[in-house]
Amino acid sequence: MAEQDEVITLIDEDGAEHDFNVIDVIEVEGSEYAILLPVEDESDEAVILKFVNDEDGNEILVEIESDEEWEKVADAWEEMVMAEEDKER
């Protein structure tokens, strides 16, 4: 788990800005993913985005298009959270 939450601002396709707390960054099968929670939203539902490089070589976050890939990342993060909780007991 991240030791302190970093806040990032993402811009959606309509140009609206949204702030997110970066809960964690994990690697699954060679790709990195950001686990984010909306700052403004009271929901505890995490958003998972994938790090990729754009055509200029800049690292950007994109939505995961494959349900299978999303499930693998969500499962890996859940396992990490459970292992962390077990350590704390």
PDB file of N, CA and C in Angstrom:
ATOM      1  N   MET A   1       0.834  -1.184   0.000  1.00  0.00           N
ATOM      2  CA  MET A   1       0.000   0.000   0.000  1.00  0.00           C
ATOM      3  C   MET A   1       0.878   1.247   0.000  1.00  0.00           C
ATOM      4  N   ALA A   2       0.397   2.296  -0.608  1.00  0.00           N
ATOM      5  CA  ALA A   2       1.112   3.559  -0.609  1.00  0.00           C
ATOM      6  C   ALA A   2       1.129   4.117   0.810  1.00  0.00           C
ATOM      7  N   GLU A   3       2.260   4.707   1.196  1.00  0.00           N
ATOM      8  CA  GLU A   3       2.378   5.213   2.549  1.00  0.00           C
ATOM      9  C   GLU A   3       1.584   6.491   2.749  1.00  0.00           C
ATOM     10  N   GLN A   4       1.524   7.339   1.726  1.00  0.00           N
ATOM     11  CA  GLN A   4       0.690   8.525   1.829  1.00  0.00           C
ATOM     12  C   GLN A   4      -0.001   8.713   0.493  1.00  0.00           C
ATOM     13  N   ASP A   5      -1.240   9.152   0.557  1.00  0.00           N
ATOM     14  CA  ASP A   5      -2.002   9.295  -0.671  1.00  0.00           C
ATOM     15  C   ASP A   5      -1.528  10.511  -1.460  1.00  0.00           C
ATOM     16  N   GLU A   6      -1.282  10.288  -2.720  1.00  0.00           N
ATOM     17  CA  GLU A   6      -0.945  11.357  -3.639  1.00  0.00           C
ATOM     18  C   GLU A   6      -2.228  11.690  -4.382  1.00  0.00           C
ATOM     19  N   VAL A   7      -2.473  12.950  -4.637  1.00  0.00           N
ATOM     20  CA  VAL A   7      -3.667  13.352  -5.377  1.00  0.00           C
ATOM     21  C   VAL A   7      -3.254  13.717  -6.795  1.00  0.00           C
ATOM     22  N   ILE A   8      -3.953  13.147  -7.767  1.00  0.00           N
ATOM     23  CA  ILE A   8      -3.711  13.502  -9.162  1.00  0.00           C
ATOM     24  C   ILE A   8      -5.018  14.006  -9.762  1.00  0.00           C
ATOM     25  N   THR A   9      -4.909  14.825 -10.775  1.00  0.00           N
ATOM     26  CA  THR A   9      -6.072  15.345 -11.481  1.00  0.00           C
ATOM     27  C   THR A   9      -6.084  14.745 -12.873  1.00  0.00           C
ATOM     28  N   LEU A  10      -7.195  14.127 -13.228  1.00  0.00           N
ATOM     29  CA  LEU A  10      -7.365  13.550 -14.559  1.00  0.00           C
ATOM     30  C   LEU A  10      -8.436  14.343 -15.290  1.00  0.00           C
ATOM     31  N   ILE A  11      -8.287  14.457 -16.602  1.00  0.00           N
ATOM     32  CA  ILE A  11      -9.248  15.173 -17.424  1.00  0.00           C
ATOM     33  C   ILE A  11      -9.978  14.155 -18.289  1.00  0.00           C
ATOM     34  N   ASP A  12     -11.319  14.149 -18.201  1.00  0.00           N
ATOM     35  CA  ASP A  12     -12.096  13.183 -18.977  1.00  0.00           C
ATOM     36  C   ASP A  12     -12.281  13.666 -20.419  1.00  0.00           C
ATOM     37  N   GLU A  13     -12.974  12.859 -21.217  1.00  0.00           N
ATOM     38  CA  GLU A  13     -13.144  13.171 -22.634  1.00  0.00           C
ATOM     39  C   GLU A  13     -13.960  14.440 -22.869  1.00  0.00           C
ATOM     40  N   ASP A  14     -14.702  14.909 -21.854  1.00  0.00           N
ATOM     41  CA  ASP A  14     -15.473  16.143 -21.980  1.00  0.00           C
ATOM     42  C   ASP A  14     -14.690  17.362 -21.499  1.00  0.00           C
ATOM     43  N   GLY A  15     -13.443  17.154 -21.062  1.00  0.00           N
ATOM     44  CA  GLY A  15     -12.607  18.251 -20.599  1.00  0.00           C
ATOM     45  C   GLY A  15     -12.792  18.587 -19.126  1.00  0.00           C
ATOM     46  N   ALA A  16     -13.616  17.819 -18.413  1.00  0.00           N
ATOM     47  CA  ALA A  16     -13.840  18.067 -16.986  1.00  0.00           C
ATOM     48  C   ALA A  16     -12.701  17.455 -16.172  1.00  0.00           C
ATOM     49  N   GLU A  17     -12.272  18.182 -15.116  1.00  0.00           N
ATOM     50  CA  GLU A  17     -11.201  17.697 -14.260  1.00  0.00           C
ATOM     51  C   GLU A  17     -11.781  16.931 -13.076  1.00  0.00           C
ATOM     52  N   HIS A  18     -11.094  15.844 -12.702  1.00  0.00           N
ATOM     53  CA  HIS A  18     -11.498  15.019 -11.567  1.00  0.00           C
ATOM     54  C   HIS A  18     -10.254  14.702 -10.749  1.00  0.00           C
ATOM     55  N   ASP A  19     -10.331  14.921  -9.423  1.00  0.00           N
ATOM     56  CA  ASP A  19      -9.210  14.621  -8.531  1.00  0.00           C
ATOM     57  C   ASP A  19      -9.368  13.216  -7.956  1.00  0.00           C
ATOM     58  N   PHE A  20      -8.250  12.508  -7.878  1.00  0.00           N
ATOM     59  CA  PHE A  20      -8.227  11.154  -7.334  1.00  0.00           C
ATOM     60  C   PHE A  20      -7.081  11.012  -6.355  1.00  0.00           C
ATOM     61  N   ASN A  21      -7.315  10.244  -5.287  1.00  0.00           N
ATOM     62  CA  ASN A  21      -6.240   9.817  -4.399  1.00  0.00           C
ATOM     63  C   ASN A  21      -5.622   8.571  -5.006  1.00  0.00           C
ATOM     64  N   VAL A  22      -4.299   8.552  -5.121  1.00  0.00           N
ATOM     65  CA  VAL A  22      -3.602   7.364  -5.609  1.00  0.00           C
ATOM     66  C   VAL A  22      -3.434   6.446  -4.408  1.00  0.00           C
ATOM     67  N   ILE A  23      -4.177   5.351  -4.399  1.00  0.00           N
ATOM     68  CA  ILE A  23      -4.146   4.407  -3.291  1.00  0.00           C
ATOM     69  C   ILE A  23      -2.936   3.494  -3.411  1.00  0.00           C
ATOM     70  N   ASP A  24      -2.651   3.066  -4.631  1.00  0.00           N
ATOM     71  CA  ASP A  24      -1.534   2.149  -4.843  1.00  0.00           C
ATOM     72  C   ASP A  24      -1.187   2.117  -6.317  1.00  0.00           C
ATOM     73  N   VAL A  25       0.010   1.677  -6.622  1.00  0.00           N
ATOM     74  CA  VAL A  25       0.440   1.374  -7.987  1.00  0.00           C
ATOM     75  C   VAL A  25       0.965  -0.051  -7.929  1.00  0.00           C
ATOM     76  N   ILE A  26       0.390  -0.915  -8.755  1.00  0.00           N
ATOM     77  CA  ILE A  26       0.803  -2.319  -8.742  1.00  0.00           C
ATOM     78  C   ILE A  26       1.218  -2.767 -10.131  1.00  0.00           C
ATOM     79  N   GLU A  27       1.983  -3.853 -10.170  1.00  0.00           N
ATOM     80  CA  GLU A  27       2.394  -4.437 -11.442  1.00  0.00           C
ATOM     81  C   GLU A  27       1.749  -5.816 -11.571  1.00  0.00           C
ATOM     82  N   VAL A  28       1.120  -6.044 -12.712  1.00  0.00           N
ATOM     83  CA  VAL A  28       0.499  -7.329 -13.004  1.00  0.00           C
ATOM     84  C   VAL A  28       0.912  -7.721 -14.420  1.00  0.00           C
ATOM     85  N   GLU A  29       1.543  -8.876 -14.528  1.00  0.00           N
ATOM     86  CA  GLU A  29       1.970  -9.415 -15.825  1.00  0.00           C
ATOM     87  C   GLU A  29       2.747  -8.395 -16.659  1.00  0.00           C
ATOM     88  N   GLY A  30       3.656  -7.673 -16.000  1.00  0.00           N
ATOM     89  CA  GLY A  30       4.541  -6.757 -16.707  1.00  0.00           C
ATOM     90  C   GLY A  30       3.982  -5.374 -16.982  1.00  0.00           C
ATOM     91  N   SER A  31       2.733  -5.095 -16.627  1.00  0.00           N
ATOM     92  CA  SER A  31       2.148  -3.768 -16.812  1.00  0.00           C
ATOM     93  C   SER A  31       1.868  -3.141 -15.460  1.00  0.00           C
ATOM     94  N   GLU A  32       1.934  -1.806 -15.402  1.00  0.00           N
ATOM     95  CA  GLU A  32       1.650  -1.106 -14.155  1.00  0.00           C
ATOM     96  C   GLU A  32       0.256  -0.504 -14.197  1.00  0.00           C
ATOM     97  N   TYR A  33      -0.390  -0.514 -13.028  1.00  0.00           N
ATOM     98  CA  TYR A  33      -1.752  -0.018 -12.896  1.00  0.00           C
ATOM     99  C   TYR A  33      -1.843   0.875 -11.668  1.00  0.00           C
ATOM    100  N   ALA A  34      -2.659   1.933 -11.764  1.00  0.00           N
ATOM    101  CA  ALA A  34      -2.907   2.817 -10.633  1.00  0.00           C
ATOM    102  C   ALA A  34      -4.268   2.486 -10.039  1.00  0.00           C
ATOM    103  N   ILE A  35      -4.304   2.351  -8.718  1.00  0.00           N
ATOM    104  CA  ILE A  35      -5.553   2.142  -7.995  1.00  0.00           C
ATOM    105  C   ILE A  35      -5.927   3.509  -7.422  1.00  0.00           C
ATOM    106  N   LEU A  36      -7.063   4.047  -7.849  1.00  0.00           N
ATOM    107  CA  LEU A  36      -7.460   5.407  -7.508  1.00  0.00           C
ATOM    108  C   LEU A  36      -8.813   5.447  -6.824  1.00  0.00           C
ATOM    109  N   LEU A  37      -8.983   6.420  -5.932  1.00  0.00           N
ATOM    110  CA  LEU A  37     -10.278   6.695  -5.324  1.00  0.00           C
ATOM    111  C   LEU A  37     -10.625   8.156  -5.595  1.00  0.00           C
ATOM    112  N   PRO A  38     -11.850   8.422  -6.068  1.00  0.00           N
ATOM    113  CA  PRO A  38     -12.247   9.811  -6.311  1.00  0.00           C
ATOM    114  C   PRO A  38     -12.209  10.611  -5.006  1.00  0.00           C
ATOM    115  N   VAL A  39     -11.674  11.834  -5.046  1.00  0.00           N
ATOM    116  CA  VAL A  39     -11.588  12.687  -3.864  1.00  0.00           C
ATOM    117  C   VAL A  39     -12.974  13.184  -3.476  1.00  0.00           C
ATOM    118  N   GLU A  40     -13.738  13.649  -4.440  1.00  0.00           N
ATOM    119  CA  GLU A  40     -15.036  14.279  -4.180  1.00  0.00           C
ATOM    120  C   GLU A  40     -16.138  13.277  -3.867  1.00  0.00           C
ATOM    121  N   ASP A  41     -16.028  12.085  -4.419  1.00  0.00           N
ATOM    122  CA  ASP A  41     -17.089  11.081  -4.313  1.00  0.00           C
ATOM    123  C   ASP A  41     -16.984  10.354  -2.978  1.00  0.00           C
ATOM    124  N   GLU A  42     -18.095  10.171  -2.308  1.00  0.00           N
ATOM    125  CA  GLU A  42     -18.102   9.446  -1.031  1.00  0.00           C
ATOM    126  C   GLU A  42     -18.016   7.934  -1.228  1.00  0.00           C
ATOM    127  N   SER A  43     -18.081   7.488  -2.449  1.00  0.00           N
ATOM    128  CA  SER A  43     -18.020   6.060  -2.762  1.00  0.00           C
ATOM    129  C   SER A  43     -16.646   5.505  -2.403  1.00  0.00           C
ATOM    130  N   ASP A  44     -16.626   4.246  -1.977  1.00  0.00           N
ATOM    131  CA  ASP A  44     -15.340   3.612  -1.701  1.00  0.00           C
ATOM    132  C   ASP A  44     -14.962   2.667  -2.844  1.00  0.00           C
ATOM    133  N   GLU A  45     -15.569   2.881  -4.007  1.00  0.00           N
ATOM    134  CA  GLU A  45     -15.282   2.050  -5.173  1.00  0.00           C
ATOM    135  C   GLU A  45     -14.052   2.587  -5.896  1.00  0.00           C
ATOM    136  N   ALA A  46     -13.043   1.759  -5.988  1.00  0.00           N
ATOM    137  CA  ALA A  46     -11.783   2.159  -6.609  1.00  0.00           C
ATOM    138  C   ALA A  46     -11.893   2.157  -8.129  1.00  0.00           C
ATOM    139  N   VAL A  47     -11.087   3.001  -8.734  1.00  0.00           N
ATOM    140  CA  VAL A  47     -10.948   3.068 -10.182  1.00  0.00           C
ATOM    141  C   VAL A  47      -9.567   2.510 -10.496  1.00  0.00           C
ATOM    142  N   ILE A  48      -9.482   1.627 -11.481  1.00  0.00           N
ATOM    143  CA  ILE A  48      -8.195   1.052 -11.870  1.00  0.00           C
ATOM    144  C   ILE A  48      -7.879   1.520 -13.282  1.00  0.00           C
ATOM    145  N   LEU A  49      -6.730   2.175 -13.443  1.00  0.00           N
ATOM    146  CA  LEU A  49      -6.291   2.641 -14.750  1.00  0.00           C
ATOM    147  C   LEU A  49      -4.906   2.080 -15.043  1.00  0.00           C
ATOM    148  N   LYS A  50      -4.617   1.913 -16.326  1.00  0.00           N
ATOM    149  CA  LYS A  50      -3.355   1.314 -16.769  1.00  0.00           C
ATOM    150  C   LYS A  50      -2.393   2.404 -17.236  1.00  0.00           C
ATOM    151  N   PHE A  51      -1.112   2.261 -16.846  1.00  0.00           N
ATOM    152  CA  PHE A  51      -0.073   3.151 -17.346  1.00  0.00           C
ATOM    153  C   PHE A  51       0.347   2.688 -18.739  1.00  0.00           C
ATOM    154  N   VAL A  52       0.342   3.596 -19.706  1.00  0.00           N
ATOM    155  CA  VAL A  52       0.852   3.333 -21.051  1.00  0.00           C
ATOM    156  C   VAL A  52       1.621   4.566 -21.506  1.00  0.00           C
ATOM    157  N   ASN A  53       2.397   4.423 -22.558  1.00  0.00           N
ATOM    158  CA  ASN A  53       3.097   5.563 -23.141  1.00  0.00           C
ATOM    159  C   ASN A  53       2.347   6.021 -24.386  1.00  0.00           C
ATOM    160  N   ASP A  54       2.155   7.346 -24.504  1.00  0.00           N
ATOM    161  CA  ASP A  54       1.500   7.874 -25.700  1.00  0.00           C
ATOM    162  C   ASP A  54       2.506   7.954 -26.838  1.00  0.00           C
ATOM    163  N   GLU A  55       2.079   8.494 -27.987  1.00  0.00           N
ATOM    164  CA  GLU A  55       2.947   8.530 -29.167  1.00  0.00           C
ATOM    165  C   GLU A  55       4.188   9.393 -28.960  1.00  0.00           C
ATOM    166  N   ASP A  56       4.158  10.297 -27.969  1.00  0.00           N
ATOM    167  CA  ASP A  56       5.318  11.133 -27.668  1.00  0.00           C
ATOM    168  C   ASP A  56       6.212  10.536 -26.584  1.00  0.00           C
ATOM    169  N   GLY A  57       5.840   9.350 -26.089  1.00  0.00           N
ATOM    170  CA  GLY A  57       6.626   8.696 -25.056  1.00  0.00           C
ATOM    171  C   GLY A  57       6.277   9.128 -23.643  1.00  0.00           C
ATOM    172  N   ASN A  58       5.215   9.933 -23.492  1.00  0.00           N
ATOM    173  CA  ASN A  58       4.772  10.363 -22.168  1.00  0.00           C
ATOM    174  C   ASN A  58       3.931   9.280 -21.519  1.00  0.00           C
ATOM    175  N   GLU A  59       4.136   9.088 -20.225  1.00  0.00           N
ATOM    176  CA  GLU A  59       3.358   8.094 -19.491  1.00  0.00           C
ATOM    177  C   GLU A  59       1.980   8.679 -19.176  1.00  0.00           C
ATOM    178  N   ILE A  60       0.935   7.951 -19.586  1.00  0.00           N
ATOM    179  CA  ILE A  60      -0.436   8.392 -19.342  1.00  0.00           C
ATOM    180  C   ILE A  60      -1.236   7.252 -18.731  1.00  0.00           C
ATOM    181  N   LEU A  61      -2.390   7.578 -18.159  1.00  0.00           N
ATOM    182  CA  LEU A  61      -3.294   6.573 -17.606  1.00  0.00           C
ATOM    183  C   LEU A  61      -4.478   6.407 -18.542  1.00  0.00           C
ATOM    184  N   VAL A  62      -4.828   5.147 -18.815  1.00  0.00           N
ATOM    185  CA  VAL A  62      -5.964   4.857 -19.686  1.00  0.00           C
ATOM    186  C   VAL A  62      -6.855   3.813 -19.029  1.00  0.00           C
ATOM    187  N   GLU A  63      -8.111   3.792 -19.464  1.00  0.00           N
ATOM    188  CA  GLU A  63      -9.030   2.778 -18.963  1.00  0.00           C
ATOM    189  C   GLU A  63      -8.613   1.405 -19.474  1.00  0.00           C
ATOM    190  N   ILE A  64      -8.891   0.389 -18.675  1.00  0.00           N
ATOM    191  CA  ILE A  64      -8.621  -0.987 -19.081  1.00  0.00           C
ATOM    192  C   ILE A  64      -9.797  -1.424 -19.942  1.00  0.00           C
ATOM    193  N   GLU A  65      -9.502  -1.852 -21.165  1.00  0.00           N
ATOM    194  CA  GLU A  65     -10.573  -2.182 -22.103  1.00  0.00           C
ATOM    195  C   GLU A  65     -11.090  -3.607 -21.954  1.00  0.00           C
ATOM    196  N   SER A  66     -10.261  -4.500 -21.494  1.00  0.00           N
ATOM    197  CA  SER A  66     -10.629  -5.912 -21.384  1.00  0.00           C
ATOM    198  C   SER A  66     -11.158  -6.225 -19.984  1.00  0.00           C
ATOM    199  N   ASP A  67     -12.338  -6.825 -19.915  1.00  0.00           N
ATOM    200  CA  ASP A  67     -12.887  -7.246 -18.622  1.00  0.00           C
ATOM    201  C   ASP A  67     -11.960  -8.248 -17.946  1.00  0.00           C
ATOM    202  N   GLU A  68     -11.373  -9.133 -18.738  1.00  0.00           N
ATOM    203  CA  GLU A  68     -10.467 -10.154 -18.197  1.00  0.00           C
ATOM    204  C   GLU A  68      -9.234  -9.502 -17.552  1.00  0.00           C
ATOM    205  N   GLU A  69      -8.658  -8.511 -18.243  1.00  0.00           N
ATOM    206  CA  GLU A  69      -7.488  -7.819 -17.698  1.00  0.00           C
ATOM    207  C   GLU A  69      -7.878  -7.075 -16.419  1.00  0.00           C
ATOM    208  N   TRP A  70      -9.039  -6.407 -16.413  1.00  0.00           N
ATOM    209  CA  TRP A  70      -9.496  -5.672 -15.232  1.00  0.00           C
ATOM    210  C   TRP A  70      -9.656  -6.616 -14.050  1.00  0.00           C
ATOM    211  N   GLU A  71     -10.243  -7.788 -14.291  1.00  0.00           N
ATOM    212  CA  GLU A  71     -10.442  -8.778 -13.220  1.00  0.00           C
ATOM    213  C   GLU A  71      -9.110  -9.256 -12.654  1.00  0.00           C
ATOM    214  N   LYS A  72      -8.115  -9.495 -13.526  1.00  0.00           N
ATOM    215  CA  LYS A  72      -6.794  -9.938 -13.055  1.00  0.00           C
ATOM    216  C   LYS A  72      -6.172  -8.894 -12.134  1.00  0.00           C
ATOM    217  N   VAL A  73      -6.276  -7.625 -12.522  1.00  0.00           N
ATOM    218  CA  VAL A  73      -5.685  -6.548 -11.725  1.00  0.00           C
ATOM    219  C   VAL A  73      -6.443  -6.392 -10.412  1.00  0.00           C
ATOM    220  N   ALA A  74      -7.767  -6.404 -10.474  1.00  0.00           N
ATOM    221  CA  ALA A  74      -8.584  -6.274  -9.262  1.00  0.00           C
ATOM    222  C   ALA A  74      -8.295  -7.421  -8.298  1.00  0.00           C
ATOM    223  N   ASP A  75      -8.183  -8.637  -8.818  1.00  0.00           N
ATOM    224  CA  ASP A  75      -7.875  -9.797  -7.975  1.00  0.00           C
ATOM    225  C   ASP A  75      -6.482  -9.674  -7.350  1.00  0.00           C
ATOM    226  N   ALA A  76      -5.505  -9.225  -8.136  1.00  0.00           N
ATOM    227  CA  ALA A  76      -4.138  -9.074  -7.628  1.00  0.00           C
ATOM    228  C   ALA A  76      -4.104  -8.023  -6.521  1.00  0.00           C
ATOM    229  N   TRP A  77      -4.820  -6.926  -6.703  1.00  0.00           N
ATOM    230  CA  TRP A  77      -4.831  -5.880  -5.681  1.00  0.00           C
ATOM    231  C   TRP A  77      -5.540  -6.372  -4.420  1.00  0.00           C
ATOM    232  N   GLU A  78      -6.635  -7.089  -4.605  1.00  0.00           N
ATOM    233  CA  GLU A  78      -7.363  -7.631  -3.449  1.00  0.00           C
ATOM    234  C   GLU A  78      -6.471  -8.587  -2.654  1.00  0.00           C
ATOM    235  N   GLU A  79      -5.710  -9.418  -3.360  1.00  0.00           N
ATOM    236  CA  GLU A  79      -4.794 -10.338  -2.684  1.00  0.00           C
ATOM    237  C   GLU A  79      -3.734  -9.568  -1.897  1.00  0.00           C
ATOM    238  N   MET A  80      -3.232  -8.461  -2.471  1.00  0.00           N
ATOM    239  CA  MET A  80      -2.237  -7.647  -1.781  1.00  0.00           C
ATOM    240  C   MET A  80      -2.834  -7.023  -0.520  1.00  0.00           C
ATOM    241  N   VAL A  81      -4.062  -6.537  -0.605  1.00  0.00           N
ATOM    242  CA  VAL A  81      -4.724  -5.926   0.545  1.00  0.00           C
ATOM    243  C   VAL A  81      -4.938  -6.976   1.640  1.00  0.00           C
ATOM    244  N   MET A  82      -5.379  -8.160   1.260  1.00  0.00           N
ATOM    245  CA  MET A  82      -5.614  -9.236   2.228  1.00  0.00           C
ATOM    246  C   MET A  82      -4.295  -9.631   2.899  1.00  0.00           C
ATOM    247  N   ALA A  83      -3.223  -9.744   2.125  1.00  0.00           N
ATOM    248  CA  ALA A  83      -1.922 -10.113   2.689  1.00  0.00           C
ATOM    249  C   ALA A  83      -1.439  -9.042   3.657  1.00  0.00           C
ATOM    250  N   GLU A  84      -1.668  -7.778   3.316  1.00  0.00           N
ATOM    251  CA  GLU A  84      -1.285  -6.660   4.182  1.00  0.00           C
ATOM    252  C   GLU A  84      -2.076  -6.701   5.498  1.00  0.00           C
ATOM    253  N   GLU A  85      -3.366  -6.999   5.403  1.00  0.00           N
ATOM    254  CA  GLU A  85      -4.193  -7.088   6.595  1.00  0.00           C
ATOM    255  C   GLU A  85      -3.758  -8.256   7.476  1.00  0.00           C
ATOM    256  N   ASP A  86      -3.384  -9.377   6.850  1.00  0.00           N
ATOM    257  CA  ASP A  86      -2.904 -10.536   7.613  1.00  0.00           C
ATOM    258  C   ASP A  86      -1.620 -10.198   8.367  1.00  0.00           C
ATOM    259  N   LYS A  87      -0.727  -9.410   7.755  1.00  0.00           N
ATOM    260  CA  LYS A  87       0.521  -9.012   8.409  1.00  0.00           C
ATOM    261  C   LYS A  87       0.261  -8.155   9.634  1.00  0.00           C
ATOM    262  N   GLU A  88      -0.789  -7.346   9.568  1.00  0.00           N
ATOM    263  CA  GLU A  88      -1.085  -6.423  10.647  1.00  0.00           C
ATOM    264  C   GLU A  88      -1.730  -7.124  11.851  1.00  0.00           C
ATOM    265  N   ARG A  89      -2.177  -8.348  11.680  1.00  0.00           N
ATOM    266  CA  ARG A  89      -2.824  -9.084  12.781  1.00  0.00           C
ATOM    267  C   ARG A  89      -1.816  -9.732  13.670  1.00  0.00           C
TER     268      ARG A  89
END
